[in-house]
């Protein structure tokens, strides 16, 4: 398939889309900021399974199965709510294999007026999407990801002027500002953490008998991904 060609759609009538909402695989939430002003008649959701992200670093097959299965289940949830979803599966022969190519072809296919995205947790991914939107001459709006209790701007303010950055200092600041397990200005129970206890050894006999982890029979979507 040549770049810019129209990909196969999972829904119809997405030509002339107002907002194309790009949902990444770790942002599967219907209450995300990208859906705040979603219009089912004029907007569409874009979800991409791309080989580049599946192979960028070595990953266990189980992780990939869970990741793509969660994405496909979320697609069904959105479509059940009446959302129009453009979805590229990993095995789709027209899939170009990376965010750059896929975003470009879907922006062109939908003639989207704007691409909307929750801020990615991966800087490399964010830069790739920003660059792609610029090349496609499509306005890009990046909204806050409400999954995180702290924004990059808040962390920047915390880090400003510090010679060293220590996770414990940052952690305690969040506990204080959000009142998590706090008794006034002190931690509940008088201790900030139990890290020292967690470093102790089980001894020669090990941890002892462990329960078998809970398991669930894969449904049809998960079996398809497998």
N, C-alpha and C. Protein backbone atom coordinates (compact mmCIF):
# COMPACT_ATOMS: atom_id res chain seq x y z
N UNK A 1 0.85 -1.20 0.00
CA UNK A 1 0.00 0.00 0.00
C UNK A 1 0.88 1.24 0.00
N UNK A 2 0.54 2.20 -0.80
CA UNK A 2 1.32 3.44 -0.86
C UNK A 2 0.89 4.40 0.22
N UNK A 3 1.84 5.18 0.80
CA UNK A 3 1.48 6.15 1.83
C UNK A 3 0.42 7.12 1.32
N UNK A 4 -0.56 7.41 2.18
CA UNK A 4 -1.62 8.33 1.81
C UNK A 4 -2.84 7.64 1.26
N UNK A 5 -2.73 6.34 0.96
CA UNK A 5 -3.90 5.61 0.46
C UNK A 5 -4.90 5.43 1.59
N UNK A 6 -6.16 5.23 1.23
CA UNK A 6 -7.21 5.11 2.23
C UNK A 6 -7.19 3.72 2.85
N UNK A 7 -7.02 3.60 4.18
CA UNK A 7 -7.00 2.30 4.84
C UNK A 7 -8.40 1.74 5.02
N UNK A 8 -8.46 0.43 5.28
CA UNK A 8 -9.76 -0.17 5.57
C UNK A 8 -10.25 0.33 6.92
N UNK A 9 -11.52 0.69 7.02
CA UNK A 9 -12.10 1.22 8.25
C UNK A 9 -12.84 0.13 9.00
N UNK A 10 -12.91 0.28 10.32
CA UNK A 10 -13.75 -0.62 11.09
C UNK A 10 -15.14 -0.03 11.25
N UNK A 11 -15.29 1.27 10.97
CA UNK A 11 -16.61 1.89 10.94
C UNK A 11 -16.67 2.68 9.65
N UNK A 12 -17.87 3.04 9.25
CA UNK A 12 -18.05 3.79 8.02
C UNK A 12 -18.32 5.26 8.31
N UNK A 13 -18.28 6.06 7.25
CA UNK A 13 -18.67 7.45 7.33
C UNK A 13 -17.83 8.26 8.32
N UNK A 14 -16.50 8.17 8.20
CA UNK A 14 -15.63 9.00 9.02
C UNK A 14 -14.97 10.09 8.19
N UNK A 15 -15.33 10.18 6.92
CA UNK A 15 -14.77 11.21 6.05
C UNK A 15 -15.29 12.57 6.50
N UNK A 16 -14.38 13.52 6.63
CA UNK A 16 -14.78 14.85 7.07
C UNK A 16 -14.91 14.94 8.58
N UNK A 17 -14.03 14.24 9.29
CA UNK A 17 -14.06 14.22 10.75
C UNK A 17 -13.59 15.55 11.33
N UNK A 18 -14.29 16.03 12.37
CA UNK A 18 -13.87 17.25 13.04
C UNK A 18 -12.62 16.97 13.89
N UNK A 19 -12.77 16.16 14.92
CA UNK A 19 -11.67 15.81 15.80
C UNK A 19 -11.38 14.32 15.69
N UNK A 20 -10.12 13.98 15.43
CA UNK A 20 -9.68 12.59 15.44
C UNK A 20 -8.96 12.38 16.77
N UNK A 21 -9.54 11.56 17.63
CA UNK A 21 -9.03 11.36 18.98
C UNK A 21 -8.10 10.16 19.00
N UNK A 22 -6.81 10.39 19.14
CA UNK A 22 -5.84 9.31 19.18
C UNK A 22 -5.74 8.78 20.60
N UNK A 23 -6.11 7.51 20.79
CA UNK A 23 -6.05 6.87 22.11
C UNK A 23 -4.94 5.83 22.10
N UNK A 24 -3.94 6.03 22.93
CA UNK A 24 -2.83 5.08 23.01
C UNK A 24 -3.22 3.90 23.91
N UNK A 25 -2.45 2.82 23.79
CA UNK A 25 -2.81 1.59 24.47
C UNK A 25 -2.75 1.64 25.98
N UNK A 26 -2.10 2.65 26.56
CA UNK A 26 -2.07 2.80 28.01
C UNK A 26 -2.94 3.97 28.47
N UNK A 27 -3.92 4.34 27.63
CA UNK A 27 -4.82 5.46 27.97
C UNK A 27 -6.28 5.05 27.77
N UNK A 28 -6.62 3.85 28.16
CA UNK A 28 -7.94 3.29 27.87
C UNK A 28 -8.93 3.67 28.96
N UNK A 29 -9.50 4.85 28.86
CA UNK A 29 -10.45 5.33 29.86
C UNK A 29 -11.47 6.25 29.20
N UNK A 30 -12.74 5.95 29.37
CA UNK A 30 -13.78 6.76 28.75
C UNK A 30 -13.92 8.13 29.42
N UNK A 31 -13.35 8.28 30.63
CA UNK A 31 -13.40 9.57 31.30
C UNK A 31 -12.14 10.39 31.07
N UNK A 32 -11.33 9.99 30.08
CA UNK A 32 -10.11 10.73 29.76
C UNK A 32 -10.45 12.11 29.21
N UNK A 33 -9.52 13.04 29.35
CA UNK A 33 -9.76 14.43 28.93
C UNK A 33 -10.03 14.54 27.44
N UNK A 34 -9.53 13.60 26.65
CA UNK A 34 -9.73 13.68 25.20
C UNK A 34 -11.20 13.53 24.81
N UNK A 35 -12.01 12.95 25.72
CA UNK A 35 -13.42 12.75 25.41
C UNK A 35 -14.33 13.83 26.02
N UNK A 36 -13.73 14.86 26.63
CA UNK A 36 -14.54 15.87 27.33
C UNK A 36 -15.59 16.53 26.44
N UNK A 37 -15.24 16.80 25.19
CA UNK A 37 -16.19 17.47 24.29
C UNK A 37 -16.45 16.62 23.05
N UNK A 38 -16.40 15.30 23.22
CA UNK A 38 -16.56 14.39 22.08
C UNK A 38 -17.96 14.49 21.50
N UNK A 39 -18.03 14.63 20.18
CA UNK A 39 -19.29 14.69 19.45
C UNK A 39 -19.39 13.44 18.58
N UNK A 40 -20.34 12.56 18.90
CA UNK A 40 -20.44 11.29 18.19
C UNK A 40 -20.74 11.46 16.71
N UNK A 41 -21.31 12.57 16.33
CA UNK A 41 -21.66 12.79 14.93
C UNK A 41 -20.51 13.38 14.12
N UNK A 42 -19.59 14.05 14.79
CA UNK A 42 -18.52 14.75 14.05
C UNK A 42 -17.12 14.28 14.37
N UNK A 43 -16.94 13.53 15.46
CA UNK A 43 -15.61 13.11 15.88
C UNK A 43 -15.44 11.60 15.73
N UNK A 44 -14.20 11.15 15.74
CA UNK A 44 -13.90 9.72 15.64
C UNK A 44 -12.68 9.41 16.50
N UNK A 45 -12.60 8.16 16.94
CA UNK A 45 -11.48 7.69 17.75
C UNK A 45 -10.52 6.91 16.86
N UNK A 46 -9.23 7.10 17.08
CA UNK A 46 -8.20 6.38 16.34
C UNK A 46 -7.38 5.54 17.32
N UNK A 47 -7.31 4.23 17.06
CA UNK A 47 -6.51 3.33 17.89
C UNK A 47 -5.62 2.50 16.97
N UNK A 48 -4.35 2.37 17.35
CA UNK A 48 -3.36 1.76 16.46
C UNK A 48 -2.56 0.67 17.16
N UNK A 49 -2.57 -0.50 16.58
CA UNK A 49 -1.62 -1.55 16.97
C UNK A 49 -0.47 -1.48 15.97
N UNK A 50 0.72 -1.13 16.44
CA UNK A 50 1.83 -0.98 15.50
C UNK A 50 3.01 -1.85 15.92
N UNK A 51 3.59 -2.51 14.94
CA UNK A 51 4.71 -3.42 15.18
C UNK A 51 5.90 -2.70 15.79
N UNK A 52 6.09 -1.45 15.41
CA UNK A 52 7.23 -0.67 15.91
C UNK A 52 7.23 -0.61 17.44
N UNK A 53 6.05 -0.35 18.03
CA UNK A 53 5.95 -0.25 19.48
C UNK A 53 6.03 -1.63 20.14
N UNK A 54 5.61 -2.67 19.43
CA UNK A 54 5.65 -4.02 19.99
C UNK A 54 7.05 -4.59 19.99
N UNK A 55 7.94 -4.01 19.19
CA UNK A 55 9.30 -4.56 19.06
C UNK A 55 10.38 -3.55 19.43
N UNK A 56 9.99 -2.34 19.83
CA UNK A 56 10.99 -1.30 20.14
C UNK A 56 11.94 -1.75 21.25
N UNK A 57 11.40 -2.43 22.26
CA UNK A 57 12.21 -3.08 23.28
C UNK A 57 11.71 -4.51 23.41
N UNK A 58 12.56 -5.46 23.83
CA UNK A 58 12.08 -6.83 24.00
C UNK A 58 10.94 -6.89 25.00
N UNK A 59 9.88 -7.59 24.65
CA UNK A 59 8.71 -7.70 25.51
C UNK A 59 8.21 -9.14 25.55
N UNK A 60 7.67 -9.53 26.68
CA UNK A 60 7.11 -10.87 26.81
C UNK A 60 5.82 -10.95 25.99
N UNK A 61 5.60 -12.09 25.36
CA UNK A 61 4.38 -12.25 24.55
C UNK A 61 3.12 -12.08 25.39
N UNK A 62 3.17 -12.48 26.66
CA UNK A 62 2.00 -12.31 27.51
C UNK A 62 1.63 -10.83 27.66
N UNK A 63 2.66 -10.00 27.82
CA UNK A 63 2.41 -8.56 27.94
C UNK A 63 1.75 -8.02 26.67
N UNK A 64 2.25 -8.44 25.52
CA UNK A 64 1.68 -7.97 24.26
C UNK A 64 0.24 -8.45 24.10
N UNK A 65 -0.03 -9.69 24.49
CA UNK A 65 -1.40 -10.20 24.42
C UNK A 65 -2.33 -9.36 25.28
N UNK A 66 -1.93 -9.12 26.52
CA UNK A 66 -2.77 -8.33 27.42
C UNK A 66 -2.97 -6.91 26.90
N UNK A 67 -1.91 -6.34 26.35
CA UNK A 67 -1.96 -4.96 25.85
C UNK A 67 -2.94 -4.83 24.68
N UNK A 68 -2.77 -5.69 23.67
CA UNK A 68 -3.64 -5.60 22.49
C UNK A 68 -5.06 -6.08 22.80
N UNK A 69 -5.19 -7.05 23.68
CA UNK A 69 -6.53 -7.49 24.06
C UNK A 69 -7.29 -6.37 24.76
N UNK A 70 -6.60 -5.65 25.64
CA UNK A 70 -7.23 -4.52 26.33
C UNK A 70 -7.67 -3.45 25.33
N UNK A 71 -6.83 -3.19 24.33
CA UNK A 71 -7.18 -2.20 23.31
C UNK A 71 -8.43 -2.63 22.54
N UNK A 72 -8.50 -3.90 22.16
CA UNK A 72 -9.64 -4.37 21.37
C UNK A 72 -10.92 -4.41 22.21
N UNK A 73 -10.78 -4.72 23.48
CA UNK A 73 -11.96 -4.66 24.36
C UNK A 73 -12.45 -3.22 24.51
N UNK A 74 -11.50 -2.29 24.61
CA UNK A 74 -11.88 -0.88 24.74
C UNK A 74 -12.55 -0.39 23.46
N UNK A 75 -12.07 -0.85 22.32
CA UNK A 75 -12.73 -0.51 21.05
C UNK A 75 -14.19 -0.94 21.08
N UNK A 76 -14.44 -2.17 21.55
CA UNK A 76 -15.82 -2.66 21.61
C UNK A 76 -16.66 -1.84 22.58
N UNK A 77 -16.05 -1.44 23.70
CA UNK A 77 -16.76 -0.61 24.66
C UNK A 77 -17.17 0.72 24.03
N UNK A 78 -16.24 1.35 23.31
CA UNK A 78 -16.53 2.63 22.67
C UNK A 78 -17.61 2.49 21.60
N UNK A 79 -17.48 1.45 20.77
CA UNK A 79 -18.47 1.24 19.71
C UNK A 79 -19.84 0.94 20.31
N UNK A 80 -19.85 0.27 21.47
CA UNK A 80 -21.11 0.01 22.15
C UNK A 80 -21.78 1.27 22.63
N UNK A 81 -20.99 2.32 22.86
CA UNK A 81 -21.53 3.61 23.28
C UNK A 81 -21.88 4.49 22.08
N UNK A 82 -21.67 3.97 20.88
CA UNK A 82 -22.00 4.74 19.68
C UNK A 82 -20.86 5.57 19.13
N UNK A 83 -19.64 5.39 19.66
CA UNK A 83 -18.50 6.15 19.16
C UNK A 83 -18.03 5.54 17.84
N UNK A 84 -17.61 6.38 16.93
CA UNK A 84 -17.01 5.90 15.68
C UNK A 84 -15.53 5.64 15.94
N UNK A 85 -15.07 4.43 15.62
CA UNK A 85 -13.70 4.04 15.93
C UNK A 85 -12.97 3.58 14.67
N UNK A 86 -11.84 4.20 14.40
CA UNK A 86 -10.94 3.76 13.34
C UNK A 86 -9.86 2.94 14.03
N UNK A 87 -9.72 1.68 13.64
CA UNK A 87 -8.83 0.78 14.38
C UNK A 87 -7.95 0.01 13.40
N UNK A 88 -6.64 0.04 13.66
CA UNK A 88 -5.69 -0.71 12.83
C UNK A 88 -5.16 -1.88 13.64
N UNK A 89 -5.47 -3.11 13.23
CA UNK A 89 -4.95 -4.29 13.91
C UNK A 89 -3.54 -4.60 13.43
N UNK A 90 -2.80 -5.30 14.27
CA UNK A 90 -1.42 -5.61 13.96
C UNK A 90 -1.29 -6.45 12.69
N UNK A 91 -2.27 -7.35 12.47
CA UNK A 91 -2.18 -8.25 11.33
C UNK A 91 -2.81 -7.68 10.05
N UNK A 92 -3.34 -6.47 10.13
CA UNK A 92 -3.92 -5.82 8.94
C UNK A 92 -2.80 -5.62 7.90
N UNK A 93 -2.93 -6.18 6.70
CA UNK A 93 -1.87 -6.05 5.69
C UNK A 93 -1.62 -4.61 5.25
N UNK A 94 -2.59 -3.71 5.49
CA UNK A 94 -2.39 -2.31 5.11
C UNK A 94 -1.72 -1.50 6.23
N UNK A 95 -1.52 -2.12 7.39
CA UNK A 95 -0.91 -1.44 8.53
C UNK A 95 0.55 -1.14 8.20
N UNK A 96 0.94 0.13 8.31
CA UNK A 96 2.30 0.55 7.95
C UNK A 96 3.31 0.31 9.07
N UNK A 97 2.86 -0.13 10.24
CA UNK A 97 3.78 -0.62 11.26
C UNK A 97 4.34 0.38 12.24
N UNK A 98 4.03 1.67 12.09
CA UNK A 98 4.56 2.67 13.02
C UNK A 98 3.59 3.82 13.18
N UNK A 99 3.74 4.58 14.27
CA UNK A 99 2.86 5.72 14.49
C UNK A 99 2.92 6.73 13.36
N UNK A 100 4.12 6.98 12.85
CA UNK A 100 4.29 8.01 11.82
C UNK A 100 3.44 7.71 10.59
N UNK A 101 3.59 6.53 10.03
CA UNK A 101 2.84 6.18 8.84
C UNK A 101 1.36 6.02 9.09
N UNK A 102 1.01 5.39 10.20
CA UNK A 102 -0.40 5.13 10.49
C UNK A 102 -1.19 6.41 10.77
N UNK A 103 -0.64 7.29 11.59
CA UNK A 103 -1.34 8.54 11.88
C UNK A 103 -1.53 9.35 10.61
N UNK A 104 -0.50 9.41 9.79
CA UNK A 104 -0.58 10.18 8.55
C UNK A 104 -1.70 9.65 7.66
N UNK A 105 -1.77 8.34 7.48
CA UNK A 105 -2.77 7.80 6.55
C UNK A 105 -4.19 7.94 7.10
N UNK A 106 -4.36 7.83 8.42
CA UNK A 106 -5.71 7.98 8.98
C UNK A 106 -6.16 9.44 8.99
N UNK A 107 -5.23 10.36 9.23
CA UNK A 107 -5.56 11.78 9.15
C UNK A 107 -6.05 12.12 7.75
N UNK A 108 -5.34 11.59 6.74
CA UNK A 108 -5.74 11.84 5.36
C UNK A 108 -7.06 11.16 5.02
N UNK A 109 -7.24 9.92 5.49
CA UNK A 109 -8.45 9.18 5.15
C UNK A 109 -9.70 9.81 5.76
N UNK A 110 -9.57 10.35 6.97
CA UNK A 110 -10.72 10.96 7.64
C UNK A 110 -10.85 12.45 7.34
N UNK A 111 -9.81 13.02 6.73
CA UNK A 111 -9.75 14.47 6.49
C UNK A 111 -10.01 15.23 7.80
N UNK A 112 -9.34 14.76 8.85
CA UNK A 112 -9.54 15.32 10.19
C UNK A 112 -9.10 16.79 10.25
N UNK A 113 -9.91 17.60 10.92
CA UNK A 113 -9.57 19.01 11.11
C UNK A 113 -8.57 19.20 12.24
N UNK A 114 -8.58 18.27 13.20
CA UNK A 114 -7.66 18.38 14.33
C UNK A 114 -7.41 16.99 14.91
N UNK A 115 -6.18 16.77 15.37
CA UNK A 115 -5.81 15.54 16.06
C UNK A 115 -5.70 15.87 17.55
N UNK A 116 -6.37 15.08 18.38
CA UNK A 116 -6.36 15.33 19.83
C UNK A 116 -5.77 14.10 20.53
N UNK A 117 -4.93 14.36 21.52
CA UNK A 117 -4.18 13.30 22.19
C UNK A 117 -3.99 13.65 23.65
N UNK A 118 -4.10 12.65 24.54
CA UNK A 118 -3.68 12.84 25.93
C UNK A 118 -2.16 12.74 25.97
N UNK A 119 -1.54 13.52 26.80
CA UNK A 119 -0.07 13.58 26.82
C UNK A 119 0.50 12.18 27.03
N UNK A 120 1.32 11.71 26.09
CA UNK A 120 1.90 10.37 26.23
C UNK A 120 2.86 10.29 27.41
N UNK A 121 2.96 9.10 27.98
CA UNK A 121 3.92 8.90 29.05
C UNK A 121 5.32 8.69 28.53
N UNK A 122 5.46 8.47 27.23
CA UNK A 122 6.75 8.22 26.59
C UNK A 122 7.12 9.43 25.73
N UNK A 123 8.22 10.10 26.07
CA UNK A 123 8.63 11.30 25.34
C UNK A 123 8.91 10.99 23.88
N UNK A 124 9.51 9.82 23.61
CA UNK A 124 9.81 9.42 22.23
C UNK A 124 8.54 9.33 21.40
N UNK A 125 7.49 8.75 21.97
CA UNK A 125 6.21 8.63 21.27
C UNK A 125 5.60 10.00 21.02
N UNK A 126 5.66 10.86 22.01
CA UNK A 126 5.11 12.21 21.86
C UNK A 126 5.80 12.97 20.73
N UNK A 127 7.13 12.89 20.68
CA UNK A 127 7.87 13.59 19.62
C UNK A 127 7.51 13.05 18.24
N UNK A 128 7.32 11.74 18.14
CA UNK A 128 6.96 11.14 16.85
C UNK A 128 5.59 11.63 16.40
N UNK A 129 4.64 11.73 17.32
CA UNK A 129 3.29 12.17 16.98
C UNK A 129 3.29 13.65 16.62
N UNK A 130 4.02 14.45 17.37
CA UNK A 130 4.11 15.89 17.07
C UNK A 130 4.69 16.10 15.67
N UNK A 131 5.76 15.39 15.37
CA UNK A 131 6.40 15.51 14.06
C UNK A 131 5.46 15.07 12.93
N UNK A 132 4.74 13.99 13.15
CA UNK A 132 3.82 13.48 12.14
C UNK A 132 2.69 14.46 11.87
N UNK A 133 2.12 15.03 12.94
CA UNK A 133 1.03 16.00 12.78
C UNK A 133 1.51 17.22 12.01
N UNK A 134 2.74 17.66 12.28
CA UNK A 134 3.29 18.82 11.56
C UNK A 134 3.44 18.53 10.08
N UNK A 135 3.96 17.34 9.76
CA UNK A 135 4.16 16.98 8.36
C UNK A 135 2.82 16.83 7.63
N UNK A 136 1.80 16.36 8.35
CA UNK A 136 0.48 16.19 7.75
C UNK A 136 -0.32 17.48 7.74
N UNK A 137 0.28 18.57 8.28
CA UNK A 137 -0.39 19.87 8.36
C UNK A 137 -1.72 19.76 9.09
N UNK A 138 -1.74 18.93 10.13
CA UNK A 138 -2.96 18.74 10.93
C UNK A 138 -2.72 19.32 12.32
N UNK A 139 -3.53 20.28 12.76
CA UNK A 139 -3.37 20.84 14.10
C UNK A 139 -3.43 19.73 15.16
N UNK A 140 -2.57 19.82 16.15
CA UNK A 140 -2.51 18.81 17.21
C UNK A 140 -2.75 19.48 18.55
N UNK A 141 -3.66 18.92 19.33
CA UNK A 141 -3.93 19.40 20.68
C UNK A 141 -3.58 18.28 21.65
N UNK A 142 -2.66 18.56 22.58
CA UNK A 142 -2.27 17.58 23.59
C UNK A 142 -2.88 18.00 24.93
N UNK A 143 -3.73 17.13 25.45
CA UNK A 143 -4.41 17.42 26.72
C UNK A 143 -3.75 16.66 27.87
N UNK A 144 -4.03 17.12 29.08
CA UNK A 144 -3.47 16.47 30.26
C UNK A 144 -3.98 15.03 30.36
N UNK A 145 -3.13 14.14 30.82
CA UNK A 145 -3.52 12.76 31.08
C UNK A 145 -3.90 12.66 32.54
N UNK A 146 -5.20 12.48 32.81
CA UNK A 146 -5.68 12.47 34.19
C UNK A 146 -5.37 11.17 34.93
N UNK A 147 -4.67 10.24 34.26
CA UNK A 147 -4.23 9.03 34.96
C UNK A 147 -3.19 9.38 36.03
N UNK A 148 -2.44 10.46 35.81
CA UNK A 148 -1.31 10.79 36.66
C UNK A 148 -1.71 11.78 37.75
N UNK A 149 -1.21 11.56 38.96
CA UNK A 149 -1.53 12.43 40.08
C UNK A 149 -0.71 13.72 40.03
N UNK A 150 0.36 13.71 39.24
CA UNK A 150 1.24 14.88 39.13
C UNK A 150 1.50 15.17 37.65
N UNK A 151 1.40 16.43 37.26
CA UNK A 151 1.65 16.81 35.88
C UNK A 151 3.15 17.05 35.67
N UNK A 152 3.60 17.01 34.42
CA UNK A 152 5.02 17.32 34.16
C UNK A 152 5.39 18.72 34.64
N UNK A 153 4.44 19.65 34.55
CA UNK A 153 4.72 21.01 35.01
C UNK A 153 4.94 21.05 36.52
N UNK A 154 4.12 20.28 37.26
CA UNK A 154 4.28 20.23 38.72
C UNK A 154 5.62 19.60 39.10
N UNK A 155 5.99 18.56 38.36
CA UNK A 155 7.28 17.94 38.66
C UNK A 155 8.43 18.90 38.32
N UNK A 156 8.27 19.67 37.23
CA UNK A 156 9.28 20.65 36.88
C UNK A 156 9.48 21.67 37.97
N UNK A 157 8.36 22.10 38.58
CA UNK A 157 8.44 23.06 39.68
C UNK A 157 9.14 22.43 40.89
N UNK A 158 8.87 21.16 41.13
CA UNK A 158 9.52 20.45 42.24
C UNK A 158 11.03 20.33 41.99
N UNK A 159 11.42 20.05 40.76
CA UNK A 159 12.82 19.80 40.44
C UNK A 159 13.64 21.08 40.30
N UNK A 160 12.98 22.20 40.04
CA UNK A 160 13.69 23.45 39.78
C UNK A 160 14.59 23.84 40.96
N UNK A 161 15.86 24.09 40.66
CA UNK A 161 16.80 24.57 41.66
C UNK A 161 17.41 23.49 42.54
N UNK A 162 16.98 22.23 42.38
CA UNK A 162 17.54 21.16 43.20
C UNK A 162 18.82 20.61 42.56
N UNK A 163 19.83 20.38 43.39
CA UNK A 163 21.08 19.81 42.88
C UNK A 163 20.94 18.32 42.63
N UNK A 164 20.12 17.67 43.43
CA UNK A 164 19.88 16.23 43.26
C UNK A 164 18.39 15.97 43.35
N UNK A 165 17.94 14.88 42.70
CA UNK A 165 16.54 14.49 42.75
C UNK A 165 16.45 13.13 43.44
N UNK A 166 15.66 13.07 44.49
CA UNK A 166 15.47 11.85 45.25
C UNK A 166 13.98 11.50 45.24
N UNK A 167 13.64 10.28 44.84
CA UNK A 167 12.24 9.87 44.75
C UNK A 167 11.53 10.04 46.09
N UNK A 168 12.21 9.73 47.19
CA UNK A 168 11.58 9.82 48.50
C UNK A 168 11.09 11.24 48.81
N UNK A 169 11.89 12.23 48.43
CA UNK A 169 11.50 13.63 48.66
C UNK A 169 10.26 13.97 47.85
N UNK A 170 10.25 13.56 46.60
CA UNK A 170 9.10 13.81 45.73
C UNK A 170 7.86 13.10 46.26
N UNK A 171 8.02 11.86 46.68
CA UNK A 171 6.93 11.05 47.20
C UNK A 171 6.31 11.70 48.44
N UNK A 172 7.14 12.16 49.35
CA UNK A 172 6.61 12.79 50.56
C UNK A 172 5.86 14.08 50.24
N UNK A 173 6.37 14.82 49.27
CA UNK A 173 5.68 16.05 48.87
C UNK A 173 4.29 15.77 48.32
N UNK A 174 4.15 14.72 47.52
CA UNK A 174 2.83 14.35 46.99
C UNK A 174 1.91 13.89 48.11
N UNK A 175 2.43 13.13 49.04
CA UNK A 175 1.63 12.68 50.17
C UNK A 175 1.07 13.89 50.93
N UNK A 176 1.93 14.88 51.18
CA UNK A 176 1.48 16.07 51.91
C UNK A 176 0.45 16.87 51.12
N UNK A 177 0.73 17.12 49.84
CA UNK A 177 -0.14 17.99 49.05
C UNK A 177 -1.51 17.36 48.79
N UNK A 178 -1.58 16.03 48.74
CA UNK A 178 -2.86 15.36 48.46
C UNK A 178 -3.47 14.72 49.70
N UNK A 179 -2.79 14.84 50.85
CA UNK A 179 -3.35 14.31 52.08
C UNK A 179 -3.52 12.80 52.07
N UNK A 180 -2.58 12.09 51.47
CA UNK A 180 -2.66 10.64 51.37
C UNK A 180 -1.97 10.00 52.58
N UNK A 181 -2.73 9.26 53.40
CA UNK A 181 -2.19 8.60 54.59
C UNK A 181 -1.40 9.57 55.46
N UNK A 182 -2.01 10.74 55.70
CA UNK A 182 -1.36 11.75 56.51
C UNK A 182 -2.19 12.03 57.77
N UNK A 183 -1.49 12.35 58.84
CA UNK A 183 -2.10 12.79 60.09
C UNK A 183 -1.54 14.18 60.36
N UNK A 184 -2.22 15.19 59.81
CA UNK A 184 -1.67 16.54 59.86
C UNK A 184 -0.50 16.61 58.89
N UNK A 185 0.66 16.99 59.41
CA UNK A 185 1.85 17.06 58.56
C UNK A 185 2.74 15.83 58.74
N UNK A 186 2.25 14.83 59.46
CA UNK A 186 3.02 13.63 59.71
C UNK A 186 2.34 12.43 59.05
N UNK A 187 3.13 11.41 58.68
CA UNK A 187 2.52 10.22 58.09
C UNK A 187 1.74 9.41 59.11
N UNK A 188 0.65 8.83 58.69
CA UNK A 188 -0.13 7.97 59.57
C UNK A 188 0.76 6.84 60.09
N UNK A 189 0.73 6.62 61.38
CA UNK A 189 1.56 5.57 61.98
C UNK A 189 2.97 6.02 62.29
N UNK A 190 3.33 7.25 61.90
CA UNK A 190 4.63 7.79 62.26
C UNK A 190 5.78 7.42 61.34
N UNK A 191 5.50 6.61 60.26
CA UNK A 191 6.57 6.23 59.33
C UNK A 191 6.12 6.51 57.91
N UNK A 192 7.07 7.00 57.10
CA UNK A 192 6.76 7.31 55.71
C UNK A 192 6.67 6.04 54.86
N UNK A 193 7.47 5.05 55.15
CA UNK A 193 7.44 3.81 54.37
C UNK A 193 8.03 2.67 55.18
N UNK A 194 7.95 1.49 54.61
CA UNK A 194 8.46 0.29 55.26
C UNK A 194 9.52 -0.38 54.37
N UNK A 195 10.29 0.45 53.67
CA UNK A 195 11.29 -0.07 52.73
C UNK A 195 12.30 -0.98 53.43
N UNK A 196 12.74 -0.58 54.62
CA UNK A 196 13.73 -1.39 55.34
C UNK A 196 13.18 -2.79 55.62
N UNK A 197 11.92 -2.86 56.05
CA UNK A 197 11.31 -4.15 56.32
C UNK A 197 11.20 -4.99 55.05
N UNK A 198 10.90 -4.33 53.94
CA UNK A 198 10.72 -5.05 52.67
C UNK A 198 12.03 -5.61 52.12
N UNK A 199 13.15 -5.12 52.60
CA UNK A 199 14.45 -5.61 52.13
C UNK A 199 14.92 -6.85 52.90
N UNK A 200 14.19 -7.23 53.91
CA UNK A 200 14.59 -8.37 54.73
C UNK A 200 14.50 -9.67 53.93
N UNK A 201 15.32 -10.64 54.30
CA UNK A 201 15.34 -11.92 53.60
C UNK A 201 14.27 -12.85 54.15
N UNK A 202 13.78 -13.76 53.29
CA UNK A 202 12.85 -14.79 53.75
C UNK A 202 13.58 -15.87 54.56
N UNK A 203 14.89 -15.92 54.40
CA UNK A 203 15.65 -16.98 55.06
C UNK A 203 15.81 -18.20 54.15
N UNK A 204 16.47 -19.22 54.65
CA UNK A 204 16.75 -20.39 53.84
C UNK A 204 15.50 -21.12 53.38
N UNK A 205 14.45 -21.07 54.15
CA UNK A 205 13.23 -21.81 53.83
C UNK A 205 12.35 -21.09 52.81
N UNK A 206 12.73 -19.88 52.43
CA UNK A 206 11.93 -19.15 51.44
C UNK A 206 10.65 -18.60 52.03
N UNK A 207 9.74 -18.12 51.18
CA UNK A 207 8.51 -17.48 51.67
C UNK A 207 7.45 -18.45 52.15
N UNK A 208 7.65 -19.74 51.90
CA UNK A 208 6.62 -20.70 52.29
C UNK A 208 5.63 -20.92 51.17
N UNK A 209 4.61 -21.76 51.41
CA UNK A 209 3.61 -22.05 50.36
C UNK A 209 2.91 -20.79 49.88
N UNK A 210 2.74 -20.68 48.59
CA UNK A 210 2.06 -19.53 48.00
C UNK A 210 0.82 -19.99 47.28
N UNK A 211 -0.22 -19.16 47.32
CA UNK A 211 -1.44 -19.46 46.59
C UNK A 211 -1.19 -19.39 45.09
N UNK A 212 -1.88 -20.22 44.37
CA UNK A 212 -1.79 -20.15 42.92
C UNK A 212 -2.42 -18.84 42.45
N UNK A 213 -1.76 -18.12 41.55
CA UNK A 213 -2.34 -16.85 41.07
C UNK A 213 -3.71 -17.07 40.43
N UNK A 214 -4.58 -16.09 40.58
CA UNK A 214 -5.89 -16.17 39.94
C UNK A 214 -5.72 -16.17 38.42
N UNK A 215 -6.53 -16.93 37.76
CA UNK A 215 -6.46 -16.99 36.30
C UNK A 215 -7.87 -16.92 35.74
N UNK A 216 -7.94 -16.55 34.49
CA UNK A 216 -9.23 -16.37 33.83
C UNK A 216 -9.16 -16.99 32.44
N UNK A 217 -10.23 -17.63 32.02
CA UNK A 217 -10.27 -18.23 30.70
C UNK A 217 -10.32 -17.11 29.65
N UNK A 218 -9.41 -17.12 28.68
CA UNK A 218 -9.41 -16.06 27.65
C UNK A 218 -10.72 -16.06 26.88
N UNK A 219 -11.25 -14.87 26.63
CA UNK A 219 -12.47 -14.77 25.82
C UNK A 219 -12.09 -14.78 24.34
N UNK A 220 -13.08 -14.59 23.48
CA UNK A 220 -12.84 -14.69 22.03
C UNK A 220 -11.85 -13.64 21.55
N UNK A 221 -11.95 -12.42 22.07
CA UNK A 221 -11.04 -11.36 21.64
C UNK A 221 -9.60 -11.69 22.03
N UNK A 222 -9.41 -12.14 23.26
CA UNK A 222 -8.06 -12.48 23.72
C UNK A 222 -7.50 -13.65 22.92
N UNK A 223 -8.32 -14.65 22.65
CA UNK A 223 -7.85 -15.80 21.86
C UNK A 223 -7.46 -15.35 20.46
N UNK A 224 -8.18 -14.40 19.90
CA UNK A 224 -7.83 -13.88 18.58
C UNK A 224 -6.47 -13.21 18.61
N UNK A 225 -6.19 -12.45 19.67
CA UNK A 225 -4.89 -11.79 19.80
C UNK A 225 -3.78 -12.82 19.97
N UNK A 226 -4.03 -13.84 20.80
CA UNK A 226 -3.03 -14.90 20.99
C UNK A 226 -2.68 -15.55 19.66
